[in-house]
N, C-alpha and C. Protein backbone atom coordinates (compact mmCIF):
# COMPACT_ATOMS: atom_id res chain seq x y z
N MET A 1 0.84 -1.18 0.00
CA MET A 1 0.00 0.00 0.00
C MET A 1 0.89 1.24 0.00
N ALA A 2 0.65 2.11 -0.94
CA ALA A 2 1.45 3.33 -1.08
C ALA A 2 1.03 4.36 -0.03
N GLY A 3 2.01 5.13 0.45
CA GLY A 3 1.73 6.18 1.44
C GLY A 3 1.08 7.39 0.79
N GLN A 4 0.49 8.19 1.61
CA GLN A 4 -0.15 9.41 1.12
C GLN A 4 0.92 10.45 0.75
N PRO A 5 0.78 11.13 -0.37
CA PRO A 5 1.75 12.18 -0.72
C PRO A 5 1.58 13.37 0.23
N TYR A 6 2.65 14.12 0.36
CA TYR A 6 2.59 15.35 1.17
C TYR A 6 1.61 16.32 0.52
N SER A 7 0.88 17.03 1.35
CA SER A 7 -0.03 18.04 0.82
C SER A 7 0.78 19.18 0.22
N LYS A 8 0.15 19.95 -0.66
CA LYS A 8 0.82 21.10 -1.27
C LYS A 8 1.28 22.08 -0.18
N GLU A 9 0.47 22.26 0.84
CA GLU A 9 0.81 23.17 1.94
C GLU A 9 2.09 22.69 2.65
N ALA A 10 2.20 21.40 2.88
CA ALA A 10 3.38 20.86 3.55
C ALA A 10 4.61 20.95 2.66
N GLN A 11 4.43 20.80 1.35
CA GLN A 11 5.56 20.88 0.43
C GLN A 11 6.13 22.29 0.36
N LEU A 12 5.26 23.29 0.48
CA LEU A 12 5.70 24.67 0.35
C LEU A 12 6.11 25.30 1.68
N ALA A 13 5.84 24.61 2.78
CA ALA A 13 6.16 25.18 4.10
C ALA A 13 7.67 25.36 4.24
N ARG A 14 8.06 26.52 4.69
CA ARG A 14 9.48 26.81 4.86
C ARG A 14 9.89 26.81 6.32
N GLY A 15 8.93 26.74 7.19
CA GLY A 15 9.25 26.73 8.61
C GLY A 15 9.60 28.13 9.10
N PRO A 16 10.07 28.23 10.33
CA PRO A 16 10.39 29.55 10.89
C PRO A 16 11.60 30.17 10.19
N LYS A 17 11.64 31.50 10.16
CA LYS A 17 12.78 32.19 9.57
C LYS A 17 14.04 31.81 10.34
N ARG A 18 15.12 31.63 9.62
CA ARG A 18 16.37 31.22 10.24
C ARG A 18 17.03 32.38 10.97
N TYR A 19 16.80 33.59 10.53
CA TYR A 19 17.39 34.74 11.19
C TYR A 19 16.58 35.97 10.83
N PRO A 20 16.59 36.95 11.71
CA PRO A 20 15.84 38.18 11.42
C PRO A 20 16.66 39.12 10.55
N ARG A 21 16.32 39.25 9.29
CA ARG A 21 17.04 40.12 8.37
C ARG A 21 16.04 40.85 7.52
N LYS A 22 16.20 42.17 7.42
CA LYS A 22 15.32 42.96 6.56
C LYS A 22 15.82 42.88 5.13
N VAL A 23 14.95 42.44 4.25
CA VAL A 23 15.29 42.31 2.83
C VAL A 23 14.48 43.37 2.08
N ALA A 24 15.18 44.21 1.33
CA ALA A 24 14.53 45.29 0.60
C ALA A 24 13.76 44.76 -0.61
N THR A 25 12.63 45.37 -0.86
CA THR A 25 11.87 45.08 -2.07
C THR A 25 12.54 45.81 -3.23
N LYS A 26 12.01 45.63 -4.41
CA LYS A 26 12.55 46.33 -5.57
C LYS A 26 12.47 47.84 -5.37
N LYS A 27 11.34 48.33 -4.88
CA LYS A 27 11.19 49.77 -4.61
C LYS A 27 12.10 50.21 -3.47
N GLY A 28 12.29 49.35 -2.49
CA GLY A 28 13.20 49.65 -1.40
C GLY A 28 14.62 49.84 -1.89
N TRP A 29 15.06 48.94 -2.81
CA TRP A 29 16.40 49.07 -3.38
C TRP A 29 16.53 50.35 -4.21
N GLU A 30 15.46 50.71 -4.89
CA GLU A 30 15.50 51.96 -5.66
C GLU A 30 15.72 53.15 -4.73
N ARG A 31 15.04 53.15 -3.57
CA ARG A 31 15.22 54.24 -2.59
C ARG A 31 16.64 54.23 -2.02
N ILE A 32 17.14 53.04 -1.66
CA ILE A 32 18.49 52.94 -1.11
C ILE A 32 19.51 53.39 -2.14
N THR A 33 19.35 52.96 -3.38
CA THR A 33 20.28 53.34 -4.45
C THR A 33 20.27 54.85 -4.66
N ALA A 34 19.09 55.45 -4.69
CA ALA A 34 18.99 56.90 -4.87
C ALA A 34 19.67 57.64 -3.73
N GLN A 35 19.55 57.12 -2.53
CA GLN A 35 20.11 57.78 -1.35
C GLN A 35 21.61 57.55 -1.22
N LYS A 36 22.08 56.35 -1.54
CA LYS A 36 23.46 55.98 -1.23
C LYS A 36 24.43 56.02 -2.40
N MET A 37 23.95 56.03 -3.62
CA MET A 37 24.85 55.97 -4.77
C MET A 37 25.66 57.25 -4.85
N GLY A 38 26.94 57.09 -5.07
CA GLY A 38 27.84 58.23 -5.17
C GLY A 38 29.23 57.73 -5.48
N PRO A 39 30.23 58.55 -5.26
CA PRO A 39 31.60 58.09 -5.52
C PRO A 39 32.01 57.00 -4.53
N CYS A 40 32.99 56.21 -4.91
CA CYS A 40 33.52 55.16 -4.06
C CYS A 40 34.02 55.77 -2.75
N ARG A 41 33.65 55.18 -1.64
CA ARG A 41 34.05 55.68 -0.33
C ARG A 41 35.55 55.50 -0.08
N VAL A 42 36.18 54.61 -0.84
CA VAL A 42 37.60 54.34 -0.62
C VAL A 42 38.47 55.21 -1.52
N CYS A 43 38.27 55.11 -2.83
CA CYS A 43 39.17 55.79 -3.78
C CYS A 43 38.52 56.98 -4.46
N VAL A 44 37.27 57.27 -4.19
CA VAL A 44 36.51 58.40 -4.71
C VAL A 44 36.27 58.31 -6.23
N SER A 45 36.47 57.13 -6.80
CA SER A 45 36.17 56.93 -8.22
C SER A 45 34.66 56.98 -8.43
N ARG A 46 34.25 57.44 -9.59
CA ARG A 46 32.83 57.46 -9.93
C ARG A 46 32.50 56.39 -10.97
N GLU A 47 33.48 55.59 -11.33
CA GLU A 47 33.28 54.55 -12.35
C GLU A 47 33.05 53.19 -11.71
N HIS A 48 32.12 52.44 -12.27
CA HIS A 48 31.83 51.07 -11.86
C HIS A 48 31.51 50.98 -10.37
N VAL A 49 30.69 51.90 -9.88
CA VAL A 49 30.34 51.92 -8.46
C VAL A 49 29.24 50.90 -8.17
N GLN A 50 29.42 50.16 -7.09
CA GLN A 50 28.48 49.16 -6.63
C GLN A 50 28.10 49.48 -5.18
N LEU A 51 27.08 48.82 -4.68
CA LEU A 51 26.69 49.01 -3.29
C LEU A 51 27.19 47.82 -2.47
N HIS A 52 27.84 48.12 -1.35
CA HIS A 52 28.45 47.11 -0.49
C HIS A 52 27.75 47.09 0.87
N HIS A 53 27.44 45.89 1.36
CA HIS A 53 26.88 45.74 2.70
C HIS A 53 28.03 45.76 3.71
N LEU A 54 27.98 46.65 4.67
CA LEU A 54 29.00 46.68 5.72
C LEU A 54 28.94 45.39 6.53
N VAL A 55 27.75 45.05 7.00
CA VAL A 55 27.52 43.77 7.65
C VAL A 55 26.93 42.88 6.57
N PHE A 56 27.69 41.88 6.17
CA PHE A 56 27.30 41.04 5.05
C PHE A 56 25.94 40.38 5.27
N ARG A 57 25.26 40.11 4.18
CA ARG A 57 23.95 39.45 4.24
C ARG A 57 24.04 38.13 5.01
N GLY A 58 25.09 37.38 4.76
CA GLY A 58 25.28 36.10 5.45
C GLY A 58 25.54 36.26 6.93
N HIS A 59 25.88 37.47 7.34
CA HIS A 59 26.10 37.76 8.77
C HIS A 59 24.90 38.50 9.35
N PHE A 60 23.75 38.37 8.70
CA PHE A 60 22.48 38.96 9.13
C PHE A 60 22.41 40.47 8.89
N GLY A 61 23.16 40.97 7.92
CA GLY A 61 23.11 42.39 7.58
C GLY A 61 21.85 42.72 6.80
N ASP A 62 21.18 43.79 7.19
CA ASP A 62 19.93 44.20 6.56
C ASP A 62 20.17 45.02 5.30
N ASP A 63 19.14 45.07 4.47
CA ASP A 63 19.14 45.95 3.29
C ASP A 63 18.55 47.29 3.73
N VAL A 64 19.35 48.05 4.47
CA VAL A 64 18.93 49.36 4.96
C VAL A 64 20.05 50.36 4.65
N PRO A 65 19.73 51.64 4.50
CA PRO A 65 20.75 52.63 4.12
C PRO A 65 21.98 52.66 5.03
N ASP A 66 21.82 52.46 6.34
CA ASP A 66 22.97 52.51 7.24
C ASP A 66 23.91 51.33 7.08
N ASN A 67 23.49 50.30 6.35
CA ASN A 67 24.35 49.14 6.12
C ASN A 67 24.93 49.12 4.70
N ILE A 68 24.66 50.14 3.92
CA ILE A 68 25.07 50.15 2.52
C ILE A 68 26.01 51.33 2.26
N VAL A 69 27.12 51.05 1.56
CA VAL A 69 28.04 52.11 1.14
C VAL A 69 28.43 51.89 -0.32
N PRO A 70 28.65 52.98 -1.06
CA PRO A 70 29.09 52.84 -2.45
C PRO A 70 30.60 52.60 -2.52
N VAL A 71 30.99 51.61 -3.31
CA VAL A 71 32.41 51.33 -3.57
C VAL A 71 32.56 50.93 -5.03
N CYS A 72 33.70 51.25 -5.63
CA CYS A 72 33.93 50.83 -7.01
C CYS A 72 34.20 49.33 -7.04
N ASP A 73 34.13 48.74 -8.21
CA ASP A 73 34.29 47.29 -8.31
C ASP A 73 35.65 46.80 -7.82
N LEU A 74 36.72 47.58 -8.05
CA LEU A 74 38.05 47.16 -7.60
C LEU A 74 38.17 47.19 -6.08
N CYS A 75 37.66 48.26 -5.46
CA CYS A 75 37.68 48.35 -4.00
C CYS A 75 36.75 47.31 -3.38
N HIS A 76 35.63 47.04 -4.03
CA HIS A 76 34.68 46.03 -3.54
C HIS A 76 35.37 44.66 -3.48
N GLN A 77 36.08 44.33 -4.54
CA GLN A 77 36.80 43.06 -4.56
C GLN A 77 37.86 43.03 -3.47
N ALA A 78 38.59 44.14 -3.30
CA ALA A 78 39.64 44.22 -2.27
C ALA A 78 39.05 44.05 -0.87
N LEU A 79 37.86 44.61 -0.64
CA LEU A 79 37.21 44.45 0.67
C LEU A 79 36.89 42.99 0.94
N HIS A 80 36.39 42.29 -0.06
CA HIS A 80 36.05 40.88 0.12
C HIS A 80 37.30 40.01 0.22
N GLU A 81 38.42 40.51 -0.28
CA GLU A 81 39.71 39.80 -0.14
C GLU A 81 40.42 40.17 1.16
N ARG A 82 39.79 41.04 1.96
CA ARG A 82 40.30 41.47 3.27
C ARG A 82 41.63 42.19 3.18
N ARG A 83 41.79 43.04 2.18
CA ARG A 83 43.01 43.85 2.07
C ARG A 83 42.95 44.95 3.12
N ALA A 84 43.91 44.94 4.02
CA ALA A 84 43.89 45.80 5.21
C ALA A 84 43.82 47.29 4.88
N GLN A 85 44.61 47.77 3.95
CA GLN A 85 44.64 49.20 3.65
C GLN A 85 43.29 49.69 3.13
N ILE A 86 42.68 48.95 2.23
CA ILE A 86 41.38 49.31 1.67
C ILE A 86 40.31 49.26 2.76
N SER A 87 40.32 48.21 3.56
CA SER A 87 39.34 48.06 4.63
C SER A 87 39.44 49.21 5.64
N ARG A 88 40.66 49.57 6.01
CA ARG A 88 40.86 50.65 6.98
C ARG A 88 40.36 51.98 6.40
N LEU A 89 40.66 52.25 5.13
CA LEU A 89 40.18 53.49 4.51
C LEU A 89 38.65 53.55 4.51
N LEU A 90 38.01 52.45 4.17
CA LEU A 90 36.55 52.43 4.18
C LEU A 90 36.02 52.72 5.58
N LEU A 91 36.55 52.04 6.57
CA LEU A 91 36.05 52.20 7.93
C LEU A 91 36.25 53.63 8.45
N THR A 92 37.32 54.28 8.06
CA THR A 92 37.55 55.66 8.52
C THR A 92 36.60 56.65 7.85
N ARG A 93 35.99 56.24 6.74
CA ARG A 93 35.11 57.14 5.99
C ARG A 93 33.62 56.83 6.18
N LEU A 94 33.30 56.01 7.14
CA LEU A 94 31.90 55.72 7.43
C LEU A 94 31.27 56.86 8.21
N SER A 95 30.00 57.09 7.97
CA SER A 95 29.27 58.06 8.80
C SER A 95 29.07 57.45 10.19
N ASP A 96 28.71 58.29 11.14
CA ASP A 96 28.46 57.79 12.49
C ASP A 96 27.34 56.75 12.49
N ALA A 97 26.29 57.00 11.71
CA ALA A 97 25.16 56.07 11.64
C ALA A 97 25.59 54.72 11.03
N GLU A 98 26.42 54.75 10.00
CA GLU A 98 26.89 53.53 9.37
C GLU A 98 27.76 52.72 10.33
N TYR A 99 28.68 53.41 11.00
CA TYR A 99 29.55 52.73 11.96
C TYR A 99 28.73 52.15 13.11
N ALA A 100 27.77 52.92 13.61
CA ALA A 100 26.92 52.45 14.70
C ALA A 100 26.13 51.22 14.28
N TYR A 101 25.62 51.20 13.06
CA TYR A 101 24.89 50.03 12.58
C TYR A 101 25.81 48.82 12.57
N MET A 102 27.03 48.98 12.04
CA MET A 102 27.96 47.86 11.93
C MET A 102 28.27 47.28 13.32
N VAL A 103 28.53 48.14 14.29
CA VAL A 103 28.87 47.67 15.63
C VAL A 103 27.65 47.07 16.33
N THR A 104 26.49 47.70 16.16
CA THR A 104 25.28 47.20 16.80
C THR A 104 24.88 45.84 16.24
N ARG A 105 24.91 45.72 14.94
CA ARG A 105 24.46 44.47 14.30
C ARG A 105 25.53 43.39 14.31
N GLY A 106 26.80 43.78 14.11
CA GLY A 106 27.86 42.79 14.00
C GLY A 106 28.69 42.58 15.25
N GLY A 107 28.63 43.53 16.19
CA GLY A 107 29.43 43.42 17.41
C GLY A 107 30.66 44.30 17.35
N GLU A 108 31.24 44.56 18.50
CA GLU A 108 32.42 45.44 18.61
C GLU A 108 33.60 44.94 17.78
N ASP A 109 33.73 43.63 17.64
CA ASP A 109 34.88 43.08 16.92
C ASP A 109 34.56 42.71 15.47
N TYR A 110 33.46 43.26 14.94
CA TYR A 110 33.05 42.88 13.59
C TYR A 110 34.11 43.24 12.54
N ALA A 111 34.71 44.40 12.65
CA ALA A 111 35.74 44.80 11.67
C ALA A 111 36.90 43.82 11.67
N GLU A 112 37.29 43.40 12.85
CA GLU A 112 38.41 42.45 12.93
C GLU A 112 38.03 41.09 12.36
N ARG A 113 36.85 40.62 12.70
CA ARG A 113 36.41 39.30 12.21
C ARG A 113 36.16 39.30 10.71
N THR A 114 35.61 40.36 10.18
CA THR A 114 35.18 40.38 8.79
C THR A 114 36.23 40.94 7.84
N TYR A 115 36.81 42.06 8.22
CA TYR A 115 37.75 42.74 7.33
C TYR A 115 39.21 42.41 7.65
N GLY A 116 39.44 41.68 8.73
CA GLY A 116 40.79 41.23 9.05
C GLY A 116 41.68 42.30 9.64
N ILE A 117 41.10 43.37 10.17
CA ILE A 117 41.92 44.43 10.76
C ILE A 117 41.38 44.79 12.14
N SER A 118 42.28 45.28 12.96
CA SER A 118 41.85 45.80 14.25
C SER A 118 41.51 47.28 14.04
N TYR A 119 40.30 47.67 14.40
CA TYR A 119 39.87 49.05 14.17
C TYR A 119 38.96 49.48 15.30
N GLU A 120 39.25 50.64 15.85
CA GLU A 120 38.40 51.23 16.87
C GLU A 120 38.19 52.69 16.54
N ARG A 121 36.96 53.10 16.53
CA ARG A 121 36.62 54.49 16.20
C ARG A 121 37.03 55.41 17.33
N THR A 122 37.68 56.50 16.99
CA THR A 122 38.10 57.46 18.02
C THR A 122 37.19 58.64 18.07
């Protein structure tokens, strides 16, 4: 005797959220892009600028303006490669709100754990 198949509701159930993270809608991203897009925070280039999450999505970083900074593609790659000089320059150029978000969401040692540098705001 064959077993009963799972109901459609059971097949689509995803269970409880694994972590609390705000994910921007398409319109939300348009607002964030309009507010945050500008020259690279590291090298001040205006070419090939992308938006970078200070607290990475995988580390529960939200899609909110205080977690997003503009960086050019070369600096973006360097940040993900944990290049100390680039990471330090970015961190020194964060607004108070951006830095506060990073520390609140990621912890006091987030810069060290993520960017590979020891950094404390003075």
